[in-house]
Every structure is written in structure tokens, then in C-alpha cells.
PDB file of N, CA and C in Angstrom:
ATOM      1  N   MET A   1     138.904  95.536 121.657  1.00  0.00           N
ATOM      2  CA  MET A   1     139.898  96.038 120.137  1.00  0.00           C
ATOM      3  C   MET A   1     140.896  97.129 121.037  1.00  0.00           C
ATOM      4  N   GLU A   2     140.236  97.583 122.376  1.00  0.00           N
ATOM      5  CA  GLU A   2     141.545  99.114 122.325  1.00  0.00           C
ATOM      6  C   GLU A   2     142.730  98.359 122.862  1.00  0.00           C
ATOM      7  N   ALA A   3     142.679  96.941 123.277  1.00  0.00           N
ATOM      8  CA  ALA A   3     144.699  96.312 123.361  1.00  0.00           C
ATOM      9  C   ALA A   3     144.600  96.074 122.036  1.00  0.00           C
ATOM     10  N   VAL A   4     144.271  95.513 121.106  1.00  0.00           N
ATOM     11  CA  VAL A   4     144.410  96.178 119.294  1.00  0.00           C
ATOM     12  C   VAL A   4     145.320  96.953 119.371  1.00  0.00           C
ATOM     13  N   ALA A   5     144.651  98.009 119.557  1.00  0.00           N
ATOM     14  CA  ALA A   5     144.881  99.408 119.145  1.00  0.00           C
ATOM     15  C   ALA A   5     146.185  99.533 119.753  1.00  0.00           C
ATOM     16  N   ARG A   6     145.878  99.485 121.172  1.00  0.00           N
ATOM     17  CA  ARG A   6     147.245  99.578 121.962  1.00  0.00           C
ATOM     18  C   ARG A   6     149.001  99.039 121.215  1.00  0.00           C
ATOM     19  N   VAL A   7     148.407  97.856 120.976  1.00  0.00           N
ATOM     20  CA  VAL A   7     149.587  96.742 120.173  1.00  0.00           C
ATOM     21  C   VAL A   7     150.082  97.492 119.231  1.00  0.00           C
ATOM     22  N   ALA A   8     148.931  97.740 118.025  1.00  0.00           N
ATOM     23  CA  ALA A   8     149.028  98.165 117.390  1.00  0.00           C
ATOM     24  C   ALA A   8     149.998  99.387 116.749  1.00  0.00           C
ATOM     25  N   LEU A   9     149.247 100.252 117.566  1.00  0.00           N
ATOM     26  CA  LEU A   9     150.667 101.509 117.454  1.00  0.00           C
ATOM     27  C   LEU A   9     151.036 101.710 118.446  1.00  0.00           C
ATOM     28  N   ALA A  10     151.359 101.162 119.619  1.00  0.00           N
ATOM     29  CA  ALA A  10     153.188 100.765 120.316  1.00  0.00           C
ATOM     30  C   ALA A  10     153.911 100.456 119.318  1.00  0.00           C
ATOM     31  N   ALA A  11     153.655  99.347 118.463  1.00  0.00           N
ATOM     32  CA  ALA A  11     154.689  99.016 117.434  1.00  0.00           C
ATOM     33  C   ALA A  11     154.502  99.843 116.153  1.00  0.00           C
ATOM     34  N   VAL A  12     154.492 100.846 116.226  1.00  0.00           N
ATOM     35  CA  VAL A  12     154.667 101.246 115.152  1.00  0.00           C
ATOM     36  C   VAL A  12     155.522 102.379 116.135  1.00  0.00           C
ATOM     37  N   LEU A  13     155.567 102.917 117.344  1.00  0.00           N
ATOM     38  CA  LEU A  13     156.065 103.470 117.633  1.00  0.00           C
ATOM     39  C   LEU A  13     157.826 102.775 118.167  1.00  0.00           C
ATOM     40  N   ALA A  14     157.618 101.470 118.117  1.00  0.00           N
ATOM     41  CA  ALA A  14     158.591 101.131 118.269  1.00  0.00           C
ATOM     42  C   ALA A  14     159.780 100.512 117.200  1.00  0.00           C
ATOM     43  N   TRP A  15     158.706 100.292 116.183  1.00  0.00           N
ATOM     44  CA  TRP A  15     159.630 100.158 114.503  1.00  0.00           C
ATOM     45  C   TRP A  15     160.428 101.290 114.446  1.00  0.00           C
ATOM     46  N   SER A  16     159.391 102.664 114.666  1.00  0.00           N
ATOM     47  CA  SER A  16     160.726 104.120 114.429  1.00  0.00           C
ATOM     48  C   SER A  16     161.697 103.976 115.183  1.00  0.00           C
ATOM     49  N   ALA A  17     161.234 103.490 116.358  1.00  0.00           N
ATOM     50  CA  ALA A  17     162.660 104.040 117.015  1.00  0.00           C
ATOM     51  C   ALA A  17     163.972 102.467 116.470  1.00  0.00           C
ATOM     52  N   ALA A  18     163.131 101.538 116.040  1.00  0.00           N
ATOM     53  CA  ALA A  18     164.412 100.327 115.987  1.00  0.00           C
ATOM     54  C   ALA A  18     164.464 101.050 114.792  1.00  0.00           C
ATOM     55  N   SER A  19     164.043 101.406 113.684  1.00  0.00           N
ATOM     56  CA  SER A  19     164.585 101.523 112.502  1.00  0.00           C
ATOM     57  C   SER A  19     166.092 102.823 112.235  1.00  0.00           C
ATOM     58  N   LYS A  20     165.442 103.830 113.593  1.00  0.00           N
ATOM     59  CA  LYS A  20     166.599 104.473 113.623  1.00  0.00           C
ATOM     60  C   LYS A  20     167.340 104.067 114.357  1.00  0.00           C
ATOM     61  N   LEU A  21     167.617 103.114 115.212  1.00  0.00           N
ATOM     62  CA  LEU A  21     168.720 102.411 115.116  1.00  0.00           C
ATOM     63  C   LEU A  21     169.292 102.072 114.404  1.00  0.00           C
ATOM     64  N   ALA A  22     168.681 100.994 113.595  1.00  0.00           N
ATOM     65  CA  ALA A  22     169.135 100.203 112.820  1.00  0.00           C
ATOM     66  C   ALA A  22     170.102 100.829 111.357  1.00  0.00           C
ATOM     67  N   ASP A  23     169.692 102.073 111.309  1.00  0.00           N
ATOM     68  CA  ASP A  23     170.370 103.269 110.256  1.00  0.00           C
ATOM     69  C   ASP A  23     170.552 104.341 111.413  1.00  0.00           C
ATOM     70  N   SER A  24     171.376 104.098 112.144  1.00  0.00           N
ATOM     71  CA  SER A  24     171.738 105.054 112.831  1.00  0.00           C
ATOM     72  C   SER A  24     172.673 106.081 112.915  1.00  0.00           C
ATOM     73  N   ARG A  25     173.140 105.991 111.455  1.00  0.00           N
ATOM     74  CA  ARG A  25     174.303 106.905 110.875  1.00  0.00           C
ATOM     75  C   ARG A  25     173.075 108.042 109.858  1.00  0.00           C
ATOM     76  N   ARG A  26     172.841 107.368 109.364  1.00  0.00           N
ATOM     77  CA  ARG A  26     172.029 108.511 108.396  1.00  0.00           C
ATOM     78  C   ARG A  26     171.344 108.981 109.424  1.00  0.00           C
ATOM     79  N   SER A  27     170.377 108.267 110.310  1.00  0.00           N
ATOM     80  CA  SER A  27     169.340 109.232 111.187  1.00  0.00           C
ATOM     81  C   SER A  27     169.544 110.279 111.707  1.00  0.00           C
ATOM     82  N   VAL A  28     170.869 109.410 112.466  1.00  0.00           N
ATOM     83  CA  VAL A  28     171.627 111.056 113.119  1.00  0.00           C
ATOM     84  C   VAL A  28     171.702 111.916 112.323  1.00  0.00           C
ATOM     85  N   ALA A  29     172.130 111.793 110.957  1.00  0.00           N
ATOM     86  CA  ALA A  29     172.676 113.145 109.765  1.00  0.00           C
ATOM     87  C   ALA A  29     171.649 113.343 109.388  1.00  0.00           C
ATOM     88  N   ALA A  30     169.891 113.092 109.642  1.00  0.00           N
ATOM     89  CA  ALA A  30     168.826 113.506 108.858  1.00  0.00           C
ATOM     90  C   ALA A  30     168.349 114.934 109.967  1.00  0.00           C
ATOM     91  N   MET A  31     168.922 114.944 111.553  1.00  0.00           N
ATOM     92  CA  MET A  31     168.135 115.897 112.472  1.00  0.00           C
ATOM     93  C   MET A  31     168.784 117.065 111.311  1.00  0.00           C
ATOM     94  N   ALA A  32     169.422 117.523 110.578  1.00  0.00           N
ATOM     95  CA  ALA A  32     170.129 118.324 110.038  1.00  0.00           C
ATOM     96  C   ALA A  32     168.804 119.313 109.374  1.00  0.00           C
ATOM     97  N   THR A  33     168.121 118.582 108.889  1.00  0.00           N
ATOM     98  CA  THR A  33     167.145 118.806 108.437  1.00  0.00           C
ATOM     99  C   THR A  33     166.094 119.527 109.618  1.00  0.00           C
ATOM    100  N   PHE A  34     166.473 119.611 110.546  1.00  0.00           N
ATOM    101  CA  PHE A  34     165.411 120.806 111.429  1.00  0.00           C
ATOM    102  C   PHE A  34     166.315 121.285 111.918  1.00  0.00           C
ATOM    103  N   GLY A  35     167.325 121.606 111.772  1.00  0.00           N
ATOM    104  CA  GLY A  35     168.065 123.059 112.403  1.00  0.00           C
ATOM    105  C   GLY A  35     169.235 121.937 113.428  1.00  0.00           C
ATOM    106  N   PHE A  36     169.113 121.206 113.785  1.00  0.00           N
ATOM    107  CA  PHE A  36     170.329 120.751 114.561  1.00  0.00           C
ATOM    108  C   PHE A  36     171.944 120.972 114.128  1.00  0.00           C
ATOM    109  N   ALA A  37     172.406 121.935 113.837  1.00  0.00           N
ATOM    110  CA  ALA A  37     173.856 122.783 113.097  1.00  0.00           C
ATOM    111  C   ALA A  37     174.499 121.515 113.210  1.00  0.00           C
ATOM    112  N   THR A  38     175.244 120.894 114.859  1.00  0.00           N
ATOM    113  CA  THR A  38     176.116 120.501 114.992  1.00  0.00           C
ATOM    114  C   THR A  38     176.065 118.734 114.641  1.00  0.00           C
ATOM    115  N   ASP A  39     177.402 118.073 114.786  1.00  0.00           N
ATOM    116  CA  ASP A  39     176.454 116.638 115.087  1.00  0.00           C
ATOM    117  C   ASP A  39     176.596 116.057 116.281  1.00  0.00           C
ATOM    118  N   ALA A  40     177.156 116.726 117.574  1.00  0.00           N
ATOM    119  CA  ALA A  40     176.557 116.632 118.738  1.00  0.00           C
ATOM    120  C   ALA A  40     175.107 117.113 119.102  1.00  0.00           C
ATOM    121  N   SER A  41     174.905 117.874 118.725  1.00  0.00           N
ATOM    122  CA  SER A  41     173.303 118.175 119.167  1.00  0.00           C
ATOM    123  C   SER A  41     172.091 117.350 118.012  1.00  0.00           C
ATOM    124  N   ARG A  42     172.854 117.303 116.735  1.00  0.00           N
ATOM    125  CA  ARG A  42     171.964 115.969 116.435  1.00  0.00           C
ATOM    126  C   ARG A  42     172.009 114.067 116.866  1.00  0.00           C
ATOM    127  N   ARG A  43     172.891 114.193 117.634  1.00  0.00           N
ATOM    128  CA  ARG A  43     173.027 112.882 118.210  1.00  0.00           C
ATOM    129  C   ARG A  43     172.133 113.130 119.125  1.00  0.00           C
ATOM    130  N   ILE A  44     172.402 113.861 119.747  1.00  0.00           N
ATOM    131  CA  ILE A  44     171.287 114.303 121.527  1.00  0.00           C
ATOM    132  C   ILE A  44     169.527 114.178 121.077  1.00  0.00           C
ATOM    133  N   ALA A  45     169.490 114.760 119.587  1.00  0.00           N
ATOM    134  CA  ALA A  45     168.139 114.814 119.202  1.00  0.00           C
ATOM    135  C   ALA A  45     167.839 113.682 118.679  1.00  0.00           C
ATOM    136  N   TRP A  46     168.574 112.761 118.572  1.00  0.00           N
ATOM    137  CA  TRP A  46     168.496 111.677 117.900  1.00  0.00           C
ATOM    138  C   TRP A  46     167.949 110.796 118.984  1.00  0.00           C
ATOM    139  N   THR A  47     168.623 110.528 119.938  1.00  0.00           N
ATOM    140  CA  THR A  47     168.815 109.895 121.178  1.00  0.00           C
ATOM    141  C   THR A  47     167.576 110.538 121.821  1.00  0.00           C
ATOM    142  N   VAL A  48     167.389 111.409 121.885  1.00  0.00           N
ATOM    143  CA  VAL A  48     166.013 111.972 122.829  1.00  0.00           C
ATOM    144  C   VAL A  48     165.177 110.899 122.120  1.00  0.00           C
ATOM    145  N   ALA A  49     164.580 111.473 120.905  1.00  0.00           N
ATOM    146  CA  ALA A  49     163.923 110.691 120.174  1.00  0.00           C
ATOM    147  C   ALA A  49     163.474 109.211 120.136  1.00  0.00           C
ATOM    148  N   VAL A  50     164.573 108.785 119.945  1.00  0.00           N
ATOM    149  CA  VAL A  50     164.361 106.777 120.045  1.00  0.00           C
ATOM    150  C   VAL A  50     164.137 106.445 121.531  1.00  0.00           C
ATOM    151  N   VAL A  51     164.827 107.006 122.565  1.00  0.00           N
ATOM    152  CA  VAL A  51     164.691 106.985 123.864  1.00  0.00           C
ATOM    153  C   VAL A  51     163.180 107.017 123.787  1.00  0.00           C
ATOM    154  N   ALA A  52     162.607 108.415 123.780  1.00  0.00           N
ATOM    155  CA  ALA A  52     160.857 108.751 123.870  1.00  0.00           C
ATOM    156  C   ALA A  52     160.383 107.950 123.555  1.00  0.00           C
ATOM    157  N   GLU A  53     160.326 107.164 121.851  1.00  0.00           N
ATOM    158  CA  GLU A  53     159.486 106.684 121.020  1.00  0.00           C
ATOM    159  C   GLU A  53     159.904 105.247 121.873  1.00  0.00           C
ATOM    160  N   ALA A  54     160.737 104.399 122.052  1.00  0.00           N
ATOM    161  CA  ALA A  54     160.848 103.269 123.051  1.00  0.00           C
ATOM    162  C   ALA A  54     160.065 103.407 123.780  1.00  0.00           C
ATOM    163  N   ALA A  55     159.944 104.251 125.236  1.00  0.00           N
ATOM    164  CA  ALA A  55     159.211 104.287 126.127  1.00  0.00           C
ATOM    165  C   ALA A  55     158.261 104.364 126.302  1.00  0.00           C
ATOM    166  N   LEU A  56     158.400 105.277 125.179  1.00  0.00           N
ATOM    167  CA  LEU A  56     156.511 105.436 124.807  1.00  0.00           C
ATOM    168  C   LEU A  56     155.851 103.645 124.545  1.00  0.00           C
ATOM    169  N   ALA A  57     156.201 103.752 123.816  1.00  0.00           N
ATOM    170  CA  ALA A  57     156.118 102.059 123.213  1.00  0.00           C
ATOM    171  C   ALA A  57     155.942 101.048 124.424  1.00  0.00           C
ATOM    172  N   ALA A  58     156.764 100.827 124.563  1.00  0.00           N
ATOM    173  CA  ALA A  58     156.196  99.833 126.321  1.00  0.00           C
ATOM    174  C   ALA A  58     155.369 100.193 126.982  1.00  0.00           C
ATOM    175  N   GLY A  59     154.948 101.516 127.233  1.00  0.00           N
ATOM    176  CA  GLY A  59     153.957 102.096 127.973  1.00  0.00           C
ATOM    177  C   GLY A  59     152.476 101.827 127.376  1.00  0.00           C
ATOM    178  N   VAL A  60     152.491 102.477 126.661  1.00  0.00           N
ATOM    179  CA  VAL A  60     151.524 102.158 125.882  1.00  0.00           C
ATOM    180  C   VAL A  60     150.747 100.693 125.104  1.00  0.00           C
ATOM    181  N   ALA A  61     151.876  99.596 124.720  1.00  0.00           N
ATOM    182  CA  ALA A  61     151.464  98.374 125.027  1.00  0.00           C
ATOM    183  C   ALA A  61     151.126  97.893 126.474  1.00  0.00           C
ATOM    184  N   ALA A  62     151.513  97.898 127.359  1.00  0.00           N
ATOM    185  CA  ALA A  62     151.195  97.835 128.787  1.00  0.00           C
ATOM    186  C   ALA A  62     150.304  98.698 129.321  1.00  0.00           C
ATOM    187  N   GLY A  63     149.568  99.276 128.371  1.00  0.00           N
ATOM    188  CA  GLY A  63     148.352  99.598 128.880  1.00  0.00           C
ATOM    189  C   GLY A  63     147.806 101.295 129.423  1.00  0.00           C
ATOM    190  N   SER A  64     149.359 102.290 129.322  1.00  0.00           N
ATOM    191  CA  SER A  64     149.139 103.148 130.330  1.00  0.00           C
ATOM    192  C   SER A  64     148.765 104.293 129.578  1.00  0.00           C
ATOM    193  N   ASP A  65     147.266 104.741 129.842  1.00  0.00           N
ATOM    194  CA  ASP A  65     146.478 106.144 129.332  1.00  0.00           C
ATOM    195  C   ASP A  65     147.372 107.163 129.067  1.00  0.00           C
ATOM    196  N   ARG A  66     148.853 106.868 130.062  1.00  0.00           N
ATOM    197  CA  ARG A  66     149.044 108.459 130.530  1.00  0.00           C
ATOM    198  C   ARG A  66     150.604 108.388 129.208  1.00  0.00           C
ATOM    199  N   ALA A  67     151.333 107.206 129.094  1.00  0.00           N
ATOM    200  CA  ALA A  67     151.743 106.762 127.937  1.00  0.00           C
ATOM    201  C   ALA A  67     151.133 106.994 126.785  1.00  0.00           C
ATOM    202  N   ALA A  68     150.023 106.705 126.610  1.00  0.00           N
ATOM    203  CA  ALA A  68     149.453 107.124 124.901  1.00  0.00           C
ATOM    204  C   ALA A  68     149.080 108.280 125.490  1.00  0.00           C
ATOM    205  N   TRP A  69     148.730 109.059 126.068  1.00  0.00           N
ATOM    206  CA  TRP A  69     148.438 110.861 125.916  1.00  0.00           C
ATOM    207  C   TRP A  69     150.185 111.624 125.318  1.00  0.00           C
ATOM    208  N   LEU A  70     151.150 110.730 126.174  1.00  0.00           N
ATOM    209  CA  LEU A  70     152.381 111.050 125.996  1.00  0.00           C
ATOM    210  C   LEU A  70     153.155 111.176 124.197  1.00  0.00           C
ATOM    211  N   ALA A  71     152.250 110.288 123.813  1.00  0.00           N
ATOM    212  CA  ALA A  71     152.585 109.281 122.474  1.00  0.00           C
ATOM    213  C   ALA A  71     151.761 110.542 121.838  1.00  0.00           C
ATOM    214  N   ALA A  72     150.536 110.453 121.424  1.00  0.00           N
ATOM    215  CA  ALA A  72     149.790 112.086 120.871  1.00  0.00           C
ATOM    216  C   ALA A  72     150.671 112.966 121.075  1.00  0.00           C
ATOM    217  N   ALA A  73     150.504 113.409 122.160  1.00  0.00           N
ATOM    218  CA  ALA A  73     151.727 114.970 121.966  1.00  0.00           C
ATOM    219  C   ALA A  73     153.139 114.678 121.476  1.00  0.00           C
ATOM    220  N   LEU A  74     153.946 113.422 121.521  1.00  0.00           N
ATOM    221  CA  LEU A  74     154.840 113.439 120.716  1.00  0.00           C
ATOM    222  C   LEU A  74     155.116 113.628 119.451  1.00  0.00           C
ATOM    223  N   LEU A  75     153.756 112.646 118.713  1.00  0.00           N
ATOM    224  CA  LEU A  75     153.320 113.071 117.529  1.00  0.00           C
ATOM    225  C   LEU A  75     152.733 114.049 116.621  1.00  0.00           C
ATOM    226  N   LEU A  76     152.234 114.751 117.908  1.00  0.00           N
ATOM    227  CA  LEU A  76     151.696 116.131 117.463  1.00  0.00           C
ATOM    228  C   LEU A  76     153.211 117.168 117.121  1.00  0.00           C
ATOM    229  N   LEU A  77     153.918 116.841 118.255  1.00  0.00           N
ATOM    230  CA  LEU A  77     155.178 117.987 117.807  1.00  0.00           C
ATOM    231  C   LEU A  77     156.215 117.158 116.666  1.00  0.00           C
ATOM    232  N   PHE A  78     156.101 115.906 116.168  1.00  0.00           N
ATOM    233  CA  PHE A  78     156.933 115.238 115.230  1.00  0.00           C
ATOM    234  C   PHE A  78     156.025 115.954 114.421  1.00  0.00           C
ATOM    235  N   ALA A  79     154.765 116.035 114.098  1.00  0.00           N
ATOM    236  CA  ALA A  79     154.142 117.141 112.851  1.00  0.00           C
ATOM    237  C   ALA A  79     154.143 118.173 112.909  1.00  0.00           C
ATOM    238  N   ALA A  80     154.088 118.894 113.536  1.00  0.00           N
ATOM    239  CA  ALA A  80     154.909 120.278 113.359  1.00  0.00           C
ATOM    240  C   ALA A  80     155.816 120.808 113.523  1.00  0.00           C
ATOM    241  N   THR A  81     156.813 119.795 114.062  1.00  0.00           N
ATOM    242  CA  THR A  81     158.571 119.822 112.987  1.00  0.00           C
ATOM    243  C   THR A  81     158.643 119.612 111.843  1.00  0.00           C
ATOM    244  N   LEU A  82     157.696 118.430 111.402  1.00  0.00           N
ATOM    245  CA  LEU A  82     157.542 118.392 109.907  1.00  0.00           C
ATOM    246  C   LEU A  82     157.288 119.138 109.213  1.00  0.00           C
ATOM    247  N   GLY A  83     156.351 119.843 109.842  1.00  0.00           N
ATOM    248  CA  GLY A  83     154.971 120.811 108.749  1.00  0.00           C
ATOM    249  C   GLY A  83     156.604 122.507 108.452  1.00  0.00           C
ATOM    250  N   SER A  84     156.939 122.540 109.739  1.00  0.00           N
ATOM    251  CA  SER A  84     157.706 123.244 109.688  1.00  0.00           C
ATOM    252  C   SER A  84     159.049 123.435 108.531  1.00  0.00           C
ATOM    253  N   ALA A  85     159.791 122.313 108.495  1.00  0.00           N
ATOM    254  CA  ALA A  85     160.516 122.025 107.537  1.00  0.00           C
ATOM    255  C   ALA A  85     160.003 122.027 106.163  1.00  0.00           C
ATOM    256  N   LEU A  86     158.406 121.708 105.527  1.00  0.00           N
ATOM    257  CA  LEU A  86     157.881 121.758 104.208  1.00  0.00           C
ATOM    258  C   LEU A  86     157.890 123.302 104.495  1.00  0.00           C
ATOM    259  N   MET A  87     157.330 123.814 105.177  1.00  0.00           N
ATOM    260  CA  MET A  87     157.089 125.450 104.629  1.00  0.00           C
ATOM    261  C   MET A  87     158.592 126.072 104.529  1.00  0.00           C
ATOM    262  N   ARG A  88     159.970 125.489 105.159  1.00  0.00           N
ATOM    263  CA  ARG A  88     160.680 126.222 104.935  1.00  0.00           C
ATOM    264  C   ARG A  88     161.641 126.172 103.597  1.00  0.00           C
ATOM    265  N   GLY A  89     160.646 124.756 102.805  1.00  0.00           N
ATOM    266  CA  GLY A  89     161.023 123.776 101.453  1.00  0.00           C
ATOM    267  C   GLY A  89     161.692 122.490 101.267  1.00  0.00           C
ATOM    268  N   ARG A  90     161.714 121.649 102.713  1.00  0.00           N
ATOM    269  CA  ARG A  90     162.724 121.660 102.839  1.00  0.00           C
ATOM    270  C   ARG A  90     161.817 119.633 102.483  1.00  0.00           C
ATOM    271  N   ALA A  91     160.614 119.851 101.976  1.00  0.00           N
ATOM    272  CA  ALA A  91     160.035 118.857 101.196  1.00  0.00           C
ATOM    273  C   ALA A  91     161.364 117.421 100.307  1.00  0.00           C
ATOM    274  N   GLY A  92     161.413 116.503 100.560  1.00  0.00           N
ATOM    275  CA  GLY A  92     162.242 115.613 100.374  1.00  0.00           C
ATOM    276  C   GLY A  92     163.226 115.224 101.255  1.00  0.00           C
ATOM    277  N   ALA A  93     163.641 116.473 102.065  1.00  0.00           N
ATOM    278  CA  ALA A  93     165.014 116.095 102.747  1.00  0.00           C
ATOM    279  C   ALA A  93     164.976 115.126 103.549  1.00  0.00           C
ATOM    280  N   PRO A  94     165.750 114.322 104.320  1.00  0.00           N
ATOM    281  CA  PRO A  94     166.023 113.635 104.952  1.00  0.00           C
ATOM    282  C   PRO A  94     165.263 113.520 106.105  1.00  0.00           C
ATOM    283  N   CYS A  95     164.223 113.227 107.242  1.00  0.00           N
ATOM    284  CA  CYS A  95     163.616 112.986 108.193  1.00  0.00           C
ATOM    285  C   CYS A  95     163.928 112.036 109.038  1.00  0.00           C
ATOM    286  N   ALA A  96     164.663 110.910 109.003  1.00  0.00           N
ATOM    287  CA  ALA A  96     164.429 110.039 110.091  1.00  0.00           C
ATOM    288  C   ALA A  96     163.514 109.354 110.745  1.00  0.00           C
ATOM    289  N   CYS A  97     162.189 108.977 109.957  1.00  0.00           N
ATOM    290  CA  CYS A  97     161.069 109.274 110.923  1.00  0.00           C
ATOM    291  C   CYS A  97     161.331 107.574 110.894  1.00  0.00           C
ATOM    292  N   PHE A  98     161.379 107.264 110.065  1.00  0.00           N
ATOM    293  CA  PHE A  98     161.532 105.668 110.259  1.00  0.00           C
ATOM    294  C   PHE A  98     162.535 105.263 109.339  1.00  0.00           C
ATOM    295  N   GLY A  99     164.040 105.649 109.827  1.00  0.00           N
ATOM    296  CA  GLY A  99     165.379 105.405 109.740  1.00  0.00           C
ATOM    297  C   GLY A  99     166.132 106.482 108.767  1.00  0.00           C
ATOM    298  N   GLY A 100     166.743 106.291 108.262  1.00  0.00           N
ATOM    299  CA  GLY A 100     167.670 106.935 107.102  1.00  0.00           C
ATOM    300  C   GLY A 100     167.021 107.627 106.186  1.00  0.00           C
ATOM    301  N   GLY A 101     166.381 106.489 105.630  1.00  0.00           N
ATOM    302  CA  GLY A 101     165.296 106.398 103.932  1.00  0.00           C
ATOM    303  C   GLY A 101     164.489 107.528 104.313  1.00  0.00           C
ATOM    304  N   SER A 102     164.073 107.765 104.982  1.00  0.00           N
ATOM    305  CA  SER A 102     162.906 108.617 105.679  1.00  0.00           C
ATOM    306  C   SER A 102     162.859 109.777 105.287  1.00  0.00           C
ATOM    307  N   VAL A 103     161.932 110.914 104.833  1.00  0.00           N
ATOM    308  CA  VAL A 103     161.926 111.677 103.853  1.00  0.00           C
ATOM    309  C   VAL A 103     160.942 113.151 104.347  1.00  0.00           C
ATOM    310  N   VAL A 104     161.133 114.650 104.175  1.00  0.00           N
ATOM    311  CA  VAL A 104     160.246 115.426 104.724  1.00  0.00           C
ATOM    312  C   VAL A 104     159.072 115.340 103.480  1.00  0.00           C
ATOM    313  N   GLY A 105     157.373 115.290 103.877  1.00  0.00           N
ATOM    314  CA  GLY A 105     156.742 115.301 102.426  1.00  0.00           C
ATOM    315  C   GLY A 105     155.323 115.451 103.375  1.00  0.00           C
ATOM    316  N   PRO A 106     153.938 116.161 103.319  1.00  0.00           N
ATOM    317  CA  PRO A 106     152.910 116.046 102.996  1.00  0.00           C
ATOM    318  C   PRO A 106     152.254 114.776 104.485  1.00  0.00           C
ATOM    319  N   TRP A 107     152.690 113.618 103.121  1.00  0.00           N
ATOM    320  CA  TRP A 107     152.300 112.556 103.636  1.00  0.00           C
ATOM    321  C   TRP A 107     152.846 112.057 105.213  1.00  0.00           C
ATOM    322  N   ALA A 108     154.161 112.033 105.318  1.00  0.00           N
ATOM    323  CA  ALA A 108     154.773 112.403 106.726  1.00  0.00           C
ATOM    324  C   ALA A 108     153.961 113.037 108.157  1.00  0.00           C
ATOM    325  N   VAL A 109     153.465 114.095 107.708  1.00  0.00           N
ATOM    326  CA  VAL A 109     152.668 115.312 108.408  1.00  0.00           C
ATOM    327  C   VAL A 109     151.209 114.361 108.616  1.00  0.00           C
ATOM    328  N   VAL A 110     150.976 114.497 107.496  1.00  0.00           N
ATOM    329  CA  VAL A 110     149.473 113.384 107.773  1.00  0.00           C
ATOM    330  C   VAL A 110     149.428 112.176 108.802  1.00  0.00           C
ATOM    331  N   ARG A 111     150.687 111.581 108.571  1.00  0.00           N
ATOM    332  CA  ARG A 111     150.676 110.160 108.931  1.00  0.00           C
ATOM    333  C   ARG A 111     150.871 110.348 110.339  1.00  0.00           C
ATOM    334  N   ASP A 112     151.588 111.738 110.957  1.00  0.00           N
ATOM    335  CA  ASP A 112     151.949 111.959 112.512  1.00  0.00           C
ATOM    336  C   ASP A 112     150.680 112.020 112.919  1.00  0.00           C
ATOM    337  N   LEU A 113     149.855 113.172 112.036  1.00  0.00           N
ATOM    338  CA  LEU A 113     148.550 113.451 113.109  1.00  0.00           C
ATOM    339  C   LEU A 113     147.506 112.655 113.068  1.00  0.00           C
ATOM    340  N   LEU A 114     147.302 111.363 111.993  1.00  0.00           N
ATOM    341  CA  LEU A 114     146.640 110.189 112.011  1.00  0.00           C
ATOM    342  C   LEU A 114     146.772 109.540 113.560  1.00  0.00           C
ATOM    343  N   LEU A 115     148.431 109.072 113.305  1.00  0.00           N
ATOM    344  CA  LEU A 115     148.762 108.113 114.617  1.00  0.00           C
ATOM    345  C   LEU A 115     148.249 109.112 116.149  1.00  0.00           C
ATOM    346  N   ALA A 116     148.993 110.568 116.179  1.00  0.00           N
ATOM    347  CA  ALA A 116     148.242 111.792 117.040  1.00  0.00           C
ATOM    348  C   ALA A 116     146.850 111.016 117.792  1.00  0.00           C
ATOM    349  N   ALA A 117     146.158 111.415 116.960  1.00  0.00           N
ATOM    350  CA  ALA A 117     145.093 111.227 117.201  1.00  0.00           C
ATOM    351  C   ALA A 117     144.392 109.148 117.593  1.00  0.00           C
ATOM    352  N   GLY A 118     145.302 108.379 117.228  1.00  0.00           N
ATOM    353  CA  GLY A 118     145.054 107.546 117.251  1.00  0.00           C
ATOM    354  C   GLY A 118     145.383 107.215 118.684  1.00  0.00           C
ATOM    355  N   PHE A 119     146.282 107.739 119.208  1.00  0.00           N
ATOM    356  CA  PHE A 119     146.932 107.211 121.002  1.00  0.00           C
ATOM    357  C   PHE A 119     146.333 108.091 121.583  1.00  0.00           C
ATOM    358  N   ALA A 120     145.332 109.056 121.077  1.00  0.00           N
ATOM    359  CA  ALA A 120     144.994 110.285 122.370  1.00  0.00           C
ATOM    360  C   ALA A 120     143.308 109.380 122.524  1.00  0.00           C
ATOM    361  N   LEU A 121     142.891 108.675 121.022  1.00  0.00           N
ATOM    362  CA  LEU A 121     141.516 107.736 121.255  1.00  0.00           C
ATOM    363  C   LEU A 121     141.560 107.039 122.027  1.00  0.00           C
ATOM    364  N   VAL A 122     142.955 106.157 121.996  1.00  0.00           N
ATOM    365  CA  VAL A 122     142.987 105.044 123.178  1.00  0.00           C
ATOM    366  C   VAL A 122     142.964 105.259 123.966  1.00  0.00           C
ATOM    367  N   ALA A 123     143.946 106.635 124.639  1.00  0.00           N
ATOM    368  CA  ALA A 123     144.182 107.158 125.817  1.00  0.00           C
ATOM    369  C   ALA A 123     142.808 107.683 126.607  1.00  0.00           C
ATOM    370  N   ALA A 124     142.382 107.771 125.437  1.00  0.00           N
ATOM    371  CA  ALA A 124     140.472 108.467 126.076  1.00  0.00           C
ATOM    372  C   ALA A 124     139.487 107.307 126.518  1.00  0.00           C
ATOM    373  N   LEU A 125     139.700 105.968 125.649  1.00  0.00           N
ATOM    374  CA  LEU A 125     139.113 104.691 125.580  1.00  0.00           C
ATOM    375  C   LEU A 125     139.155 104.135 126.986  1.00  0.00           C
ATOM    376  N   GLY A 126     140.604 104.437 127.256  1.00  0.00           N
ATOM    377  CA  GLY A 126     141.029 103.986 128.815  1.00  0.00           C
ATOM    378  C   GLY A 126     140.372 103.900 129.822  1.00  0.00           C
TER     379      GLY A 126
END
């Protein structure tokens, strides 16, 4: 059961990274929602997100508890960032969570919190 959960959670991270890559122009532009004011800073933030998600997906799928804890921390950071955007009135703004068409909203925060809990659970069970 733990192995299935790891693969499923890793697949979500991999899907997120792949979605950003598939719609890179809109995904990079969406980073402006989170305060990245210049094209260079948006590209750096996008690259860090894609690389982190892809690397952690591979680690979680391979059974690394450390990768699962780091993925939980990353998803908590994403939830906090989305929550901050919501508090600044950015509901409906693009977020690039799963490609350029994703938007900031309460469900996105809840989704990231649930994913963080899932990663923490598989790490604790491992």
C-alpha cells in the first residue's frame, strides 16, 4: 500500500512539472502572481519549481523518505504562497500549479495541504 501511495504522489509531482514544461510560456508568466516582477526572476522561480518537483518525484518514487519529507515541505510552501496570494486578492489569477491554465483559489490551497499530508504520511510510514 505504501508503495502505491508513493508512486501516486510522485506521479502528481511529475505531472505538475510536466504541465509547467508543456505550457512554459504561460507558466513562467504566471509567476508574476507571486511577486516575481521581472522576466528573469519569473524564469528562475519557474525553473526551480520544475526541477524541485521532478527531482522529488523521482526520489519519492524510488522510496526515499527524505524526498517525501522534502516534498511535504515543498507543498506546504506552495500552500502558504497560494494562501498569501489569496489574502492579497489574487483569487482567479494564474498560478502555474499544473500548467499555465491553473488559477489561485481556496481549492488549490487545500489540495497542496492534502498533498503535503500525504507525503508526510508516506515518509513517516517508511
